[in-house]
Protein backbone atom coordinates (compact mmCIF):
# COMPACT_ATOMS: atom_id res chain seq x y z
CA MET A 1 -2.72 -2.14 -108.15
CA LYS A 2 -0.46 -5.15 -108.71
CA ILE A 3 3.21 -5.62 -107.91
CA THR A 4 5.92 -8.15 -108.69
CA LEU A 5 7.00 -9.73 -105.41
CA LYS A 6 10.48 -11.22 -105.13
CA VAL A 7 10.54 -13.04 -101.81
CA TRP A 8 13.16 -15.13 -100.05
CA ARG A 9 12.10 -18.77 -99.66
CA GLN A 10 14.04 -21.12 -97.40
CA LYS A 11 12.70 -24.37 -95.99
CA ASN A 12 14.81 -24.33 -92.82
CA ALA A 13 18.18 -23.28 -91.44
CA ASN A 14 19.93 -26.25 -93.00
CA SER A 15 18.49 -25.83 -96.50
CA PRO A 16 19.74 -23.38 -99.13
CA GLY A 17 17.41 -20.50 -99.85
CA GLY A 18 16.72 -18.27 -102.79
CA PHE A 19 14.40 -15.65 -104.19
CA LYS A 20 11.17 -16.63 -105.86
CA THR A 21 9.06 -14.28 -107.95
CA TYR A 22 5.29 -13.95 -107.70
CA GLN A 23 2.76 -11.70 -109.39
CA THR A 24 0.32 -10.47 -106.80
CA PRO A 25 -3.43 -10.46 -107.26
CA GLU A 26 -5.20 -7.10 -107.31
CA LEU A 27 -4.28 -5.03 -104.26
CA THR A 28 -5.47 -1.78 -102.72
CA GLY A 29 -3.29 0.99 -101.41
CA ASN A 30 -4.94 0.72 -98.00
CA MET A 31 -3.70 -2.85 -97.49
CA SER A 32 -0.86 -3.23 -95.01
CA PHE A 33 2.25 -5.05 -96.19
CA LEU A 34 1.28 -8.07 -94.10
CA GLU A 35 -2.23 -8.05 -95.56
CA MET A 36 -0.61 -8.13 -98.98
CA LEU A 37 1.36 -11.22 -97.92
CA ASP A 38 -1.88 -12.75 -96.60
CA THR A 39 -3.48 -12.18 -100.01
CA VAL A 40 -0.53 -13.72 -101.85
CA ASN A 41 -0.55 -16.69 -99.46
CA GLU A 42 -4.24 -17.28 -100.03
CA GLU A 43 -3.61 -17.50 -103.75
CA LEU A 44 -0.60 -19.79 -103.24
CA ALA A 45 -2.66 -22.08 -101.04
CA ASN A 46 -5.40 -22.23 -103.66
CA GLN A 47 -2.76 -23.29 -106.20
CA GLY A 48 -1.44 -26.02 -103.90
CA GLU A 49 1.84 -24.20 -103.16
CA GLU A 50 3.22 -23.71 -99.68
CA PRO A 51 2.46 -20.21 -98.32
CA ILE A 52 5.24 -17.76 -97.49
CA ALA A 53 6.19 -18.05 -93.80
CA PHE A 54 6.46 -14.72 -92.01
CA ASP A 55 6.27 -13.67 -88.38
CA HIS A 56 3.52 -11.46 -86.95
CA ASP A 57 1.41 -10.92 -83.87
CA CYS A 58 -0.11 -7.55 -82.93
CA ARG A 59 0.04 -5.92 -86.38
CA GLU A 60 0.03 -2.57 -84.57
CA GLY A 61 3.77 -1.80 -84.40
CA ILE A 62 4.04 -2.97 -80.78
CA CYS A 63 5.38 -6.53 -80.71
CA GLY A 64 8.31 -6.21 -83.13
CA SER A 65 7.84 -9.66 -84.63
CA CYS A 66 6.93 -8.53 -88.18
CA SER A 67 10.55 -7.94 -89.11
CA CYS A 68 11.27 -7.95 -92.85
CA VAL A 69 13.80 -6.26 -95.09
CA ILE A 70 11.85 -4.56 -97.88
CA ASN A 71 13.80 -3.31 -100.90
CA GLY A 72 16.98 -3.40 -98.86
CA LYS A 73 15.68 -1.51 -95.82
CA PRO A 74 14.51 -3.08 -92.56
CA HIS A 75 10.75 -2.51 -92.18
CA GLY A 76 10.46 -0.82 -95.56
CA PRO A 77 10.70 2.62 -97.15
CA ASN A 78 9.05 4.72 -94.45
CA LYS A 79 10.58 6.10 -91.25
CA GLY A 80 9.49 5.35 -87.70
CA ILE A 81 7.15 2.43 -88.42
CA ALA A 82 7.32 -1.36 -88.40
CA THR A 83 6.66 -3.68 -91.34
CA CYS A 84 3.04 -4.16 -90.28
CA GLN A 85 2.46 -0.40 -90.46
CA THR A 86 3.81 -0.15 -94.01
CA TYR A 87 0.94 0.23 -96.47
CA MET A 88 0.86 -0.65 -100.12
CA ARG A 89 0.29 3.00 -101.01
CA SER A 90 4.02 3.33 -100.31
CA PHE A 91 4.59 1.56 -103.66
CA GLN A 92 3.49 2.16 -107.22
CA ASP A 93 1.44 -0.08 -109.48
CA GLY A 94 3.84 -2.39 -111.34
CA ASP A 95 6.70 -1.99 -108.85
CA THR A 96 9.03 -4.87 -108.07
CA VAL A 97 9.28 -5.32 -104.31
CA VAL A 98 12.04 -7.48 -102.83
CA VAL A 99 11.37 -9.02 -99.40
CA GLU A 100 13.93 -10.94 -97.36
CA PRO A 101 14.63 -11.82 -93.72
CA PHE A 102 16.98 -10.02 -91.37
CA ARG A 103 20.56 -11.13 -92.01
CA ALA A 104 22.77 -11.64 -88.95
CA ARG A 105 24.74 -14.56 -87.55
CA ALA A 106 22.98 -14.08 -84.22
CA PHE A 107 19.58 -14.30 -85.98
CA PRO A 108 19.70 -17.74 -87.64
CA PRO A 109 16.97 -18.42 -90.22
CA ILE A 110 13.98 -20.57 -89.30
CA LYS A 111 11.92 -20.50 -92.49
CA ASP A 112 11.39 -18.05 -95.35
CA LEU A 113 11.12 -14.59 -93.71
CA ILE A 114 11.31 -15.83 -90.11
CA VAL A 115 14.55 -15.70 -88.11
CA ASP A 116 15.31 -16.81 -84.56
CA ARG A 117 15.69 -13.67 -82.42
CA LYS A 118 15.91 -15.42 -79.04
CA ALA A 119 19.38 -13.90 -78.64
CA PHE A 120 17.59 -10.70 -77.60
CA ASP A 121 15.67 -12.64 -74.95
CA ARG A 122 18.90 -14.02 -73.53
CA ILE A 123 20.39 -10.53 -73.33
CA GLN A 124 17.32 -9.40 -71.41
CA GLN A 125 17.60 -12.38 -69.10
CA ALA A 126 21.21 -11.46 -68.37
CA GLY A 127 20.23 -8.24 -66.61
CA GLY A 128 17.29 -6.39 -68.14
CA PHE A 129 15.17 -6.54 -65.01
CA ILE A 130 14.99 -5.34 -61.41
CA THR A 131 15.32 -7.86 -58.59
CA VAL A 132 14.78 -5.40 -55.75
CA ARG A 133 11.37 -5.97 -54.18
CA THR A 134 9.42 -2.74 -54.50
CA GLY A 135 6.20 -3.89 -52.84
CA SER A 136 2.91 -2.28 -53.77
CA ALA A 137 2.88 0.71 -56.06
CA PRO A 138 4.01 3.83 -54.15
CA GLU A 139 2.23 7.14 -54.32
CA ALA A 140 3.25 8.73 -57.62
CA ASN A 141 4.93 11.77 -56.09
CA SER A 142 6.76 9.99 -53.25
CA THR A 143 9.91 9.47 -55.34
CA ARG A 144 10.91 12.49 -57.33
CA VAL A 145 12.29 11.85 -60.80
CA PRO A 146 13.46 14.79 -62.95
CA LYS A 147 11.14 15.19 -65.91
CA GLU A 148 14.09 15.03 -68.30
CA ASN A 149 15.03 11.62 -66.89
CA SER A 150 11.49 10.27 -66.93
CA ASP A 151 11.02 11.42 -70.52
CA LEU A 152 14.29 9.81 -71.60
CA ALA A 153 13.46 6.59 -69.74
CA MET A 154 10.14 6.43 -71.58
CA ASP A 155 11.92 7.04 -74.89
CA ALA A 156 14.27 4.12 -74.18
CA ALA A 157 11.41 1.90 -72.99
CA GLN A 158 9.73 2.25 -76.39
CA CYS A 159 12.21 -0.23 -77.91
CA ILE A 160 10.20 -3.22 -79.16
CA GLY A 161 13.20 -5.49 -79.72
CA CYS A 162 12.45 -6.06 -83.38
CA GLY A 163 16.10 -6.33 -84.44
CA ALA A 164 16.00 -3.76 -87.26
CA CYS A 165 19.08 -2.11 -85.74
CA VAL A 166 20.99 -5.38 -86.13
CA ALA A 167 19.77 -5.89 -89.70
CA ALA A 168 20.82 -2.38 -90.75
CA CYS A 169 24.27 -2.40 -89.14
CA LYS A 170 27.15 -3.52 -91.34
CA ASN A 171 28.59 -5.29 -88.28
CA ALA A 172 25.23 -6.70 -87.11
CA SER A 173 25.60 -4.82 -83.84
CA ALA A 174 22.90 -4.96 -81.15
CA MET A 175 24.19 -1.88 -79.35
CA LEU A 176 21.06 0.23 -79.87
CA PHE A 177 18.81 -2.51 -78.47
CA VAL A 178 21.07 -3.14 -75.47
CA ALA A 179 21.56 0.59 -74.88
CA ALA A 180 17.81 1.16 -74.78
CA LYS A 181 17.27 -1.68 -72.30
CA VAL A 182 20.18 -0.57 -70.10
CA SER A 183 19.33 3.15 -70.20
CA HIS A 184 15.66 2.58 -69.40
CA PHE A 185 16.61 1.47 -65.88
CA ALA A 186 19.73 3.60 -65.53
CA LEU A 187 17.58 6.74 -65.67
CA LEU A 188 15.17 5.70 -62.90
CA PRO A 189 15.64 5.28 -59.13
CA GLN A 190 14.51 1.64 -59.21
CA GLY A 191 17.38 0.75 -61.51
CA GLN A 192 20.21 2.20 -59.42
CA PRO A 193 21.07 -0.72 -57.06
CA GLU A 194 21.99 -3.03 -59.96
CA ARG A 195 22.93 -0.35 -62.50
CA TYR A 196 26.54 -1.31 -63.09
CA GLN A 197 26.08 -5.04 -62.65
CA ARG A 198 23.33 -4.83 -65.26
CA VAL A 199 25.36 -3.09 -67.95
CA LYS A 200 28.31 -5.47 -67.64
CA ALA A 201 26.11 -8.56 -67.69
CA MET A 202 24.05 -7.46 -70.70
CA VAL A 203 27.08 -6.36 -72.72
CA ALA A 204 28.82 -9.65 -71.94
CA GLN A 205 25.78 -11.58 -73.12
CA MET A 206 25.54 -9.46 -76.26
CA ASP A 207 29.14 -10.35 -77.09
CA ALA A 208 28.55 -14.02 -76.30
CA GLU A 209 25.63 -14.11 -78.76
CA GLY A 210 27.95 -13.10 -81.62
CA PHE A 211 26.69 -9.58 -82.37
CA GLY A 212 29.26 -7.28 -83.95
CA ALA A 213 30.76 -4.05 -82.68
CA CYS A 214 29.01 -0.70 -83.08
CA SER A 215 29.86 0.84 -86.43
CA SER A 216 28.89 4.39 -85.33
CA THR A 217 27.26 5.12 -88.71
CA GLY A 218 23.78 5.72 -87.31
CA SER A 219 22.11 3.17 -89.57
CA CYS A 220 20.43 1.62 -86.52
CA GLU A 221 18.73 4.87 -85.50
CA ALA A 222 17.68 5.51 -89.11
CA VAL A 223 15.66 2.28 -89.38
CA CYS A 224 14.39 1.94 -85.81
CA PRO A 225 10.57 1.91 -85.89
CA LYS A 226 10.53 3.73 -82.54
CA GLU A 227 13.37 6.11 -83.53
CA ILE A 228 15.51 5.22 -80.50
CA SER A 229 18.30 7.78 -80.26
CA LEU A 230 22.01 7.04 -80.64
CA ASN A 231 22.46 9.03 -77.45
CA PHE A 232 21.49 5.92 -75.51
CA ILE A 233 24.57 4.16 -76.86
CA ALA A 234 26.65 6.99 -75.39
CA GLN A 235 24.80 6.46 -72.08
CA LEU A 236 25.60 2.73 -72.21
CA ASN A 237 29.26 3.41 -72.93
CA ARG A 238 29.49 5.79 -69.96
CA ASP A 239 27.85 3.28 -67.63
CA TYR A 240 30.02 0.44 -68.92
CA ALA A 241 33.21 2.44 -68.40
CA THR A 242 32.07 3.34 -64.89
CA ALA A 243 31.27 -0.31 -64.16
CA LEU A 244 34.79 -1.34 -65.24
CA PHE A 245 36.32 1.41 -63.10
CA LYS A 246 34.23 0.39 -60.08
CA GLY A 247 35.12 -3.24 -60.61
CA GLU A 248 31.51 -4.38 -60.75
CA SER A 249 31.68 -8.05 -61.63
CA LYS A 250 28.81 -9.72 -59.81
CA LYS A 251 26.04 -10.75 -62.17
CA PRO A 252 22.44 -9.93 -61.19
CA ALA A 253 20.38 -12.90 -60.15
CA SER A 254 18.16 -14.33 -62.86
CA GLY A 255 14.45 -13.58 -62.85
CA GLY A 256 12.82 -10.56 -61.30
CA ALA A 257 10.43 -8.02 -62.75
CA GLY A 258 11.47 -5.76 -65.54
């Protein structure tokens, strides 16, 4: 199969960008989307043209770095998978496929399909960790955690911080990401001592980074490769309201294990 690839090219954050069209070499349906880009880049390099810059690492849907908007949808046409897990069998021979970077003020462009997502790191650094020394690992049954809570905490912990929720939201909100990181600890005993300090600090950092307000349309949940539930945003809102009522203002110390 062959496709027509319309891809966003941009030299750097200070240069104007635009779409450029390429005809791909022969592809197979079992190629991943990133393998397709590798193949196109090999041909571009052979022709003396600069390859398309895109971010990647694990290529197993774990790291979250392979973030692309494919035909208008973050991570592509399928549900519950990242860009690297999208295969060319998702498209038809002769299709035109449009690829562009995530668009958000808080994710400034670096080059081509790569954006700077360090804003997520700074939100994590604001409170997404536990500073309480826990010592060596305790016996598994020494601290009882309701199964419902442990299951929900694991669901929240699946967030890979890819930023698809931001790219899909009309307001470029990071609420689903922050809610997952806040709720992960809020549901476990280890997270209780700093629970309300954490939520205030992380929300404040989210606002400082320039992310928009939650639009409540559910677009974030629809494109999340780990299908993080909107219910975690409700959990964040409850904890944030409680923190304001309790007057929690002290920021957690930086560092710690999380």
